[in-house]
Amino acid sequence: MIKPAALFSVILLAAPLASLSPACAMEQSDPRLHRALLDLVRRPDGPPAAIAIIQKGDRRTVYSVGRASIDCPTSARPCPLPKASDYMRIASVSKAFSGAAALSLVSAGRLGLDDTIGLRLPYLPRKWHRVTLRQLLNHTSGLPDFVESKAFVAAVTANPRQAPAPRELLMFVADKPLNFRPGSRYRYSNSDNIAVGLMVEAATGKDYATVLRQRVYRPARLTNTGLGPSLRLPAHFIHGYSRENGAIQDVSEVIEFGGYAWASGGIVSTAGELNRFVRAYVGGKLFDAQTRRQQARFISGGKSGPPGPGKNAAGLGLFRYETRCGTVYGHTGNILGYTHFVAATRDGTRSITTSISTQLTQDLLPPLRRMQELAVCVALSD
């Protein structure tokens, strides 16, 4: 997701043993997946913590390795394992939430996929006015990405603790032309989901965080997920780290992502809740069948950011991942301190949530994608 000169990107999550309800039985763990997570943590450039959730029907397995925090209270007490109930910044997995909010309103007749920026957000630059909600959701809008703006990087660097109002994020690129004619190409842009969030507000007359609570969190039964302008994470969180020249630094609470990333990457949640969300979102619990069919018009080669396992294709607030073991649907995320992958089968009955406590690097991408594909294989196996 976001990156002041390599600061940001996007995020993802996992779920805890303690959060399992009595009706949710435990599946036997797969040693291959546990070993793949351990291998990531043991790399010199690897994350201090890694967590994964695999759920098949009502049977869920949580894999947890490493340390939720490397700053242990005493040498006699071991550092805590990451738990599925621990909070994290979910980065661009937040884009699936903005997709859920917008498509819920489409299903209710409050928004249209062909509604334009000119109709809903006429105060934005005139050159953007023909861009539709559909094009924003599948990243074919051509909007320049605000996180690539030098002015944005300067703003974050100068004042990382106090973000501007959401519409001001788009002002960092208001003077730039569209990257291409809307609808003609795919290009992942964080600006798209800022505009989606603003359209949601315009259609409802409510702030975006309220719409998320009413139309996404409540129907998906999420009680520990939220978007808000706070630098601090709730108690009991998995710390996110950065490695620079061999040194490791805790970067969990250095940038106010709720404002600087907002609808594009500002949500905080837990692994358990992300697992529940993706099952509801992909499984059709949040909007009607006709809207789901529109969502599933995929653009081949549309890679999520960062790329997920297998062959990627982009839908509306959703990506398709075709792997050697089968196809799943979801989103990835990568931001300062965290990297995530969350997906489910089309009926929502089988799901995968993986998360590591560091931002992705090019060297880490190949082994991470191999681990994610293995997680898909475990989820789809009998």
Protein backbone atom coordinates (compact mmCIF):
# COMPACT_ATOMS: atom_id res chain seq x y z
CA MET A 1 0.00 0.00 0.00
CA ILE A 2 1.69 3.16 1.08
CA LYS A 3 5.35 3.95 0.96
CA PRO A 4 7.15 7.16 1.75
CA ALA A 5 10.27 6.35 -0.24
CA ALA A 6 9.90 2.66 0.71
CA LEU A 7 7.93 3.18 3.87
CA PHE A 8 4.54 1.67 2.95
CA SER A 9 2.58 -0.90 0.91
CA VAL A 10 -0.54 -3.07 2.06
CA ILE A 11 -1.69 -5.80 4.65
CA LEU A 12 -3.40 -9.06 5.78
CA LEU A 13 -4.34 -11.25 8.80
CA ALA A 14 -4.90 -14.56 10.76
CA ALA A 15 -6.91 -16.21 13.75
CA PRO A 16 -6.36 -17.54 17.39
CA LEU A 17 -6.86 -20.83 19.10
CA ALA A 18 -8.58 -18.97 21.93
CA SER A 19 -11.11 -17.44 19.53
CA LEU A 20 -12.48 -20.79 18.37
CA SER A 21 -16.11 -21.25 19.30
CA PRO A 22 -17.23 -24.63 20.68
CA ALA A 23 -18.94 -25.32 17.35
CA CYS A 24 -15.71 -24.78 15.44
CA ALA A 25 -13.71 -27.99 15.59
CA MET A 26 -9.94 -28.21 15.18
CA GLU A 27 -8.47 -29.80 12.07
CA GLN A 28 -5.17 -31.68 12.31
CA SER A 29 -2.34 -29.35 11.33
CA ASP A 30 -0.28 -29.90 8.19
CA PRO A 31 3.47 -30.20 8.94
CA ARG A 32 4.41 -28.83 5.51
CA LEU A 33 2.67 -25.52 6.13
CA HIS A 34 4.08 -25.25 9.64
CA ARG A 35 7.56 -25.84 8.25
CA ALA A 36 7.07 -23.25 5.48
CA LEU A 37 6.12 -20.62 8.08
CA LEU A 38 9.15 -21.57 10.19
CA ASP A 39 11.42 -21.28 7.16
CA LEU A 40 10.20 -17.71 6.58
CA VAL A 41 10.81 -16.71 10.19
CA ARG A 42 14.29 -18.27 10.18
CA ARG A 43 15.48 -16.31 7.13
CA PRO A 44 17.98 -13.49 7.86
CA ASP A 45 15.53 -11.09 6.16
CA GLY A 46 12.44 -12.88 7.45
CA PRO A 47 9.64 -11.68 9.75
CA PRO A 48 9.76 -12.16 13.54
CA ALA A 49 6.26 -13.69 13.39
CA ALA A 50 4.09 -15.60 10.95
CA ILE A 51 0.53 -16.83 11.38
CA ALA A 52 -1.91 -18.71 9.17
CA ILE A 53 -5.50 -19.93 9.45
CA ILE A 54 -6.94 -22.71 7.34
CA GLN A 55 -10.67 -23.38 7.65
CA LYS A 56 -12.65 -26.15 5.95
CA GLY A 57 -16.34 -25.87 6.76
CA ASP A 58 -16.49 -25.49 10.54
CA ARG A 59 -13.04 -27.05 11.08
CA ARG A 60 -10.30 -24.50 11.60
CA THR A 61 -6.55 -24.78 12.18
CA VAL A 62 -4.30 -21.96 13.38
CA TYR A 63 -0.57 -22.07 12.66
CA SER A 64 1.56 -19.71 14.72
CA VAL A 65 5.36 -19.36 14.73
CA GLY A 66 7.89 -16.79 15.88
CA ARG A 67 7.32 -13.91 18.31
CA ALA A 68 4.51 -11.36 18.42
CA SER A 69 7.05 -8.96 19.93
CA ILE A 70 10.82 -9.30 20.11
CA ASP A 71 10.92 -7.01 23.14
CA CYS A 72 10.38 -9.60 25.88
CA PRO A 73 9.81 -8.45 29.47
CA THR A 74 12.49 -10.71 31.00
CA SER A 75 14.93 -13.29 29.74
CA ALA A 76 13.19 -15.89 31.93
CA ARG A 77 9.83 -15.41 30.19
CA PRO A 78 9.64 -16.40 26.51
CA CYS A 79 8.38 -13.95 23.93
CA PRO A 80 4.68 -14.50 23.12
CA LEU A 81 3.57 -16.41 20.05
CA PRO A 82 1.36 -14.43 17.65
CA LYS A 83 -2.33 -15.15 18.26
CA ALA A 84 -5.30 -14.93 15.93
CA SER A 85 -6.95 -12.52 18.36
CA ASP A 86 -3.98 -10.11 18.16
CA TYR A 87 -4.52 -6.90 16.20
CA MET A 88 -2.67 -5.88 13.03
CA ARG A 89 -2.86 -3.25 10.34
CA ILE A 90 -4.48 -5.04 7.42
CA ALA A 91 -3.15 -2.72 4.68
CA SER A 92 -4.70 -3.24 1.25
CA VAL A 93 -6.95 -6.00 2.47
CA SER A 94 -8.87 -2.84 3.46
CA LYS A 95 -9.70 -2.51 -0.25
CA ALA A 96 -11.85 -5.64 -0.01
CA PHE A 97 -13.78 -3.89 2.78
CA SER A 98 -14.34 -0.79 0.62
CA GLY A 99 -15.46 -3.14 -2.15
CA ALA A 100 -17.89 -4.81 0.26
CA ALA A 101 -19.33 -1.46 1.38
CA ALA A 102 -19.76 -0.16 -2.18
CA LEU A 103 -21.22 -3.40 -3.57
CA SER A 104 -23.64 -3.62 -0.64
CA LEU A 105 -24.94 -0.20 -1.68
CA VAL A 106 -25.11 -1.32 -5.34
CA SER A 107 -27.15 -4.33 -4.24
CA ALA A 108 -29.50 -2.01 -2.31
CA GLY A 109 -29.91 0.36 -5.29
CA ARG A 110 -28.13 3.23 -3.52
CA LEU A 111 -25.13 3.24 -5.89
CA GLY A 112 -24.64 2.15 -9.49
CA LEU A 113 -21.55 0.52 -10.95
CA ASP A 114 -21.76 3.00 -13.82
CA ASP A 115 -22.11 6.02 -11.52
CA THR A 116 -19.31 8.43 -12.34
CA ILE A 117 -16.99 10.61 -10.31
CA GLY A 118 -18.64 13.57 -12.04
CA LEU A 119 -22.05 12.50 -10.72
CA ARG A 120 -21.06 11.57 -7.18
CA LEU A 121 -17.91 13.64 -6.54
CA PRO A 122 -18.16 16.70 -8.81
CA TYR A 123 -15.58 18.63 -6.73
CA LEU A 124 -12.81 16.31 -7.97
CA PRO A 125 -10.84 17.31 -11.12
CA ARG A 126 -12.99 17.52 -14.25
CA LYS A 127 -10.59 15.27 -16.16
CA TRP A 128 -11.57 12.44 -13.78
CA HIS A 129 -15.34 12.93 -14.14
CA ARG A 130 -15.99 10.07 -16.61
CA VAL A 131 -14.41 7.45 -14.34
CA THR A 132 -17.04 5.00 -13.02
CA LEU A 133 -17.37 3.11 -9.75
CA ARG A 134 -16.82 -0.13 -11.69
CA GLN A 135 -13.47 1.17 -13.02
CA LEU A 136 -12.41 2.28 -9.55
CA LEU A 137 -13.20 -1.15 -8.09
CA ASN A 138 -11.30 -3.11 -10.75
CA HIS A 139 -8.39 -0.64 -11.06
CA THR A 140 -9.04 0.37 -14.68
CA SER A 141 -9.75 4.01 -13.82
CA GLY A 142 -6.41 5.49 -14.83
CA LEU A 143 -6.31 7.63 -11.67
CA PRO A 144 -2.73 8.50 -10.72
CA ASP A 145 -1.66 6.87 -7.45
CA PHE A 146 -1.40 9.44 -4.65
CA VAL A 147 1.20 7.38 -2.75
CA GLU A 148 3.63 7.86 -5.65
CA SER A 149 3.41 11.64 -5.32
CA LYS A 150 6.50 13.42 -3.98
CA ALA A 151 4.19 15.82 -2.16
CA PHE A 152 2.49 12.92 -0.37
CA VAL A 153 5.83 11.40 0.64
CA ALA A 154 6.93 14.79 1.95
CA ALA A 155 3.70 15.18 3.96
CA VAL A 156 4.05 11.76 5.61
CA THR A 157 7.72 12.34 6.34
CA ALA A 158 7.08 15.77 7.84
CA ASN A 159 4.07 14.80 9.95
CA PRO A 160 3.49 11.01 10.15
CA ARG A 161 1.19 11.33 13.18
CA GLN A 162 -1.44 13.65 11.70
CA ALA A 163 -3.03 12.81 8.35
CA PRO A 164 -5.08 15.14 6.12
CA ALA A 165 -8.80 14.66 5.47
CA PRO A 166 -9.55 11.77 3.06
CA ARG A 167 -10.46 13.96 0.07
CA GLU A 168 -7.15 15.80 0.51
CA LEU A 169 -5.27 12.58 -0.28
CA LEU A 170 -6.49 12.85 -3.88
CA MET A 171 -5.38 16.48 -4.03
CA PHE A 172 -1.77 15.27 -4.04
CA VAL A 173 -2.37 14.15 -7.65
CA ALA A 174 -5.19 16.52 -8.70
CA ASP A 175 -2.87 18.32 -11.12
CA LYS A 176 -1.84 15.12 -12.91
CA PRO A 177 -3.55 13.68 -16.00
CA LEU A 178 -5.14 10.25 -16.06
CA ASN A 179 -2.61 7.49 -16.75
CA PHE A 180 -4.80 6.16 -19.60
CA ARG A 181 -8.35 6.28 -20.96
CA PRO A 182 -10.70 4.89 -18.26
CA GLY A 183 -11.56 1.24 -18.84
CA SER A 184 -8.80 0.64 -21.38
CA ARG A 185 -6.13 -0.88 -19.10
CA TYR A 186 -5.47 -2.34 -15.66
CA ARG A 187 -3.22 -0.52 -13.22
CA TYR A 188 -3.39 -0.92 -9.44
CA SER A 189 -3.85 2.47 -7.76
CA ASN A 190 -4.46 3.38 -4.13
CA SER A 191 -6.35 6.47 -5.32
CA ASP A 192 -9.14 4.22 -6.64
CA ASN A 193 -10.29 3.13 -3.20
CA ILE A 194 -10.08 6.61 -1.72
CA ALA A 195 -12.57 7.64 -4.42
CA VAL A 196 -14.69 4.55 -3.65
CA GLY A 197 -14.84 5.54 0.04
CA LEU A 198 -15.86 9.09 -0.91
CA MET A 199 -18.57 7.73 -3.23
CA VAL A 200 -19.90 5.60 -0.36
CA GLU A 201 -20.12 8.71 1.81
CA ALA A 202 -21.80 10.72 -0.96
CA ALA A 203 -24.40 8.01 -1.56
CA THR A 204 -25.31 7.56 2.10
CA GLY A 205 -24.72 10.96 3.69
CA LYS A 206 -22.76 9.12 6.42
CA ASP A 207 -19.06 8.92 7.15
CA TYR A 208 -17.29 5.90 5.69
CA ALA A 209 -16.44 4.33 9.08
CA THR A 210 -20.14 4.30 10.01
CA VAL A 211 -21.11 2.64 6.72
CA LEU A 212 -18.46 -0.03 7.29
CA ARG A 213 -19.94 -0.79 10.71
CA GLN A 214 -23.50 -0.98 9.39
CA ARG A 215 -22.97 -2.76 6.07
CA VAL A 216 -19.82 -4.86 6.56
CA TYR A 217 -18.81 -5.46 10.18
CA ARG A 218 -22.31 -6.13 11.51
CA PRO A 219 -23.51 -8.61 8.84
CA ALA A 220 -20.11 -10.37 8.85
CA ARG A 221 -20.16 -10.49 12.70
CA LEU A 222 -16.94 -8.54 13.15
CA THR A 223 -16.54 -6.94 16.58
CA ASN A 224 -12.79 -6.26 16.69
CA THR A 225 -12.31 -4.54 13.33
CA GLY A 226 -12.26 -0.80 12.76
CA LEU A 227 -11.05 2.26 10.90
CA GLY A 228 -10.08 5.33 12.86
CA PRO A 229 -7.51 8.12 13.02
CA SER A 230 -5.23 6.66 15.66
CA LEU A 231 -1.50 6.12 15.65
CA ARG A 232 -1.79 3.57 18.46
CA LEU A 233 -2.91 -0.02 18.00
CA PRO A 234 -5.24 -1.68 20.53
CA ALA A 235 -3.67 -3.71 23.33
CA HIS A 236 -2.41 -7.16 22.36
CA PHE A 237 -1.18 -6.65 18.82
CA ILE A 238 1.39 -8.37 16.64
CA HIS A 239 4.25 -5.90 16.30
CA GLY A 240 5.32 -5.01 12.77
CA TYR A 241 9.00 -4.68 11.94
CA SER A 242 11.32 -3.23 9.33
CA ARG A 243 14.84 -4.40 8.52
CA GLU A 244 17.35 -1.80 7.37
CA ASN A 245 21.01 -2.74 6.82
CA GLY A 246 20.65 -5.74 9.10
CA ALA A 247 19.03 -3.78 11.94
CA ILE A 248 15.45 -4.52 12.99
CA GLN A 249 13.06 -1.75 14.06
CA ASP A 250 9.52 -1.81 15.47
CA VAL A 251 7.40 0.26 13.06
CA SER A 252 3.95 -0.72 14.35
CA GLU A 253 3.00 2.77 15.52
CA VAL A 254 5.04 5.27 13.53
CA ILE A 255 2.50 6.37 10.88
CA GLU A 256 -1.21 7.17 11.26
CA PHE A 257 -2.42 4.84 8.54
CA GLY A 258 -6.10 5.27 9.39
CA GLY A 259 -5.83 8.69 7.76
CA TYR A 260 -2.90 8.38 5.37
CA ALA A 261 -4.27 5.12 3.89
CA TRP A 262 -7.99 5.44 4.85
CA ALA A 263 -10.26 3.35 2.57
CA SER A 264 -7.22 2.09 0.70
CA GLY A 265 -5.39 0.54 3.65
CA GLY A 266 -6.25 2.00 7.04
CA ILE A 267 -8.28 -0.74 8.77
CA VAL A 268 -7.08 -2.58 11.88
CA SER A 269 -8.38 -6.09 12.57
CA THR A 270 -7.40 -9.55 13.79
CA ALA A 271 -6.62 -12.74 11.92
CA GLY A 272 -9.72 -14.43 13.21
CA GLU A 273 -11.94 -11.62 12.00
CA LEU A 274 -10.26 -11.47 8.59
CA ASN A 275 -10.91 -15.17 8.20
CA ARG A 276 -14.58 -14.60 9.05
CA PHE A 277 -14.80 -11.59 6.72
CA VAL A 278 -13.36 -13.28 3.64
CA ARG A 279 -15.73 -16.22 4.01
CA ALA A 280 -18.72 -13.87 4.11
CA TYR A 281 -17.40 -11.54 1.38
CA VAL A 282 -16.43 -14.20 -1.15
CA GLY A 283 -19.26 -16.53 -0.13
CA GLY A 284 -22.02 -14.06 -1.03
CA LYS A 285 -23.29 -13.05 2.40
CA LEU A 286 -22.93 -9.25 1.97
CA PHE A 287 -24.77 -8.49 -1.30
CA ASP A 288 -27.07 -10.12 -3.82
CA ALA A 289 -26.39 -12.69 -6.56
CA GLN A 290 -26.65 -10.20 -9.42
CA THR A 291 -24.01 -7.96 -7.82
CA ARG A 292 -21.79 -11.00 -7.21
CA ARG A 293 -21.95 -11.83 -10.91
CA GLN A 294 -20.80 -8.31 -11.76
CA GLN A 295 -18.00 -8.58 -9.20
CA ALA A 296 -16.74 -11.79 -10.82
CA ARG A 297 -16.01 -10.31 -14.25
CA PHE A 298 -12.26 -10.78 -14.00
CA ILE A 299 -9.47 -9.05 -15.92
CA SER A 300 -6.67 -11.49 -16.74
CA GLY A 301 -3.25 -10.28 -15.65
CA GLY A 302 -4.66 -7.91 -13.04
CA LYS A 303 -2.30 -8.62 -10.17
CA SER A 304 -3.08 -7.64 -6.61
CA GLY A 305 -0.53 -5.59 -4.70
CA PRO A 306 1.56 -7.53 -3.86
CA PRO A 307 0.90 -10.43 -6.24
CA GLY A 308 -0.89 -13.36 -4.66
CA PRO A 309 -0.16 -17.03 -5.37
CA GLY A 310 -0.63 -18.53 -8.80
CA LYS A 311 -2.15 -16.68 -11.76
CA ASN A 312 -3.87 -13.44 -10.68
CA ALA A 313 -6.93 -11.75 -12.22
CA ALA A 314 -8.82 -8.66 -11.01
CA GLY A 315 -12.54 -8.36 -10.30
CA LEU A 316 -14.47 -5.69 -8.40
CA GLY A 317 -12.73 -5.34 -5.03
CA LEU A 318 -11.64 -8.95 -5.42
CA PHE A 319 -8.85 -10.99 -7.03
CA ARG A 320 -8.89 -14.50 -8.45
CA TYR A 321 -5.89 -16.72 -7.67
CA GLU A 322 -5.55 -19.80 -9.91
CA THR A 323 -3.06 -22.18 -8.29
CA ARG A 324 -1.85 -25.72 -9.02
CA CYS A 325 -4.32 -26.99 -6.41
CA GLY A 326 -7.38 -24.97 -7.42
CA THR A 327 -8.86 -21.47 -7.49
CA VAL A 328 -9.58 -19.12 -4.60
CA TYR A 329 -10.68 -15.48 -4.36
CA GLY A 330 -9.56 -12.70 -2.05
CA HIS A 331 -7.01 -9.95 -1.56
CA THR A 332 -3.43 -9.30 -0.50
CA GLY A 333 -1.94 -6.48 1.53
CA ASN A 334 1.49 -5.05 2.26
CA ILE A 335 2.29 -2.07 4.45
CA LEU A 336 5.01 -0.89 6.77
CA GLY A 337 5.43 -3.81 9.20
CA TYR A 338 2.95 -6.33 7.74
CA THR A 339 2.17 -8.48 4.68
CA HIS A 340 -1.07 -10.47 4.19
CA PHE A 341 -3.03 -12.84 1.99
CA VAL A 342 -6.69 -13.70 2.60
CA ALA A 343 -8.87 -15.85 0.32
CA ALA A 344 -11.75 -18.31 0.14
CA THR A 345 -13.45 -20.67 -2.26
CA ARG A 346 -16.37 -19.20 -4.21
CA ASP A 347 -18.92 -20.70 -1.81
CA GLY A 348 -16.98 -19.36 1.21
CA THR A 349 -16.68 -22.78 2.85
CA ARG A 350 -12.89 -23.05 2.69
CA SER A 351 -10.60 -20.16 3.56
CA ILE A 352 -6.98 -19.13 3.97
CA THR A 353 -5.52 -16.27 5.99
CA THR A 354 -1.77 -15.71 6.23
CA SER A 355 0.22 -12.87 7.75
CA ILE A 356 3.85 -12.02 8.45
CA SER A 357 5.15 -9.20 10.64
CA THR A 358 7.31 -7.35 8.15
CA GLN A 359 6.83 -5.45 4.92
CA LEU A 360 7.50 -7.45 1.80
CA THR A 361 10.82 -7.24 -0.06
CA GLN A 362 11.65 -8.58 -3.52
CA ASP A 363 13.83 -11.34 -2.02
CA LEU A 364 11.04 -12.41 0.33
CA LEU A 365 8.33 -12.49 -2.37
CA PRO A 366 9.16 -15.89 -3.97
CA PRO A 367 9.23 -17.93 -0.70
CA LEU A 368 6.18 -16.03 0.56
CA ARG A 369 4.16 -16.89 -2.56
CA ARG A 370 5.24 -20.53 -2.28
CA MET A 371 3.98 -20.58 1.32
CA GLN A 372 0.69 -18.95 0.26
CA GLU A 373 0.17 -21.49 -2.52
CA LEU A 374 0.90 -24.33 -0.10
CA ALA A 375 -1.72 -22.84 2.25
CA VAL A 376 -4.24 -22.89 -0.62
CA CYS A 377 -3.36 -26.54 -1.31
CA VAL A 378 -3.88 -27.44 2.34
CA ALA A 379 -7.24 -25.63 2.40
CA LEU A 380 -8.47 -27.35 -0.78
CA SER A 381 -7.24 -30.83 0.10
CA ASP A 382 -9.40 -33.55 1.64
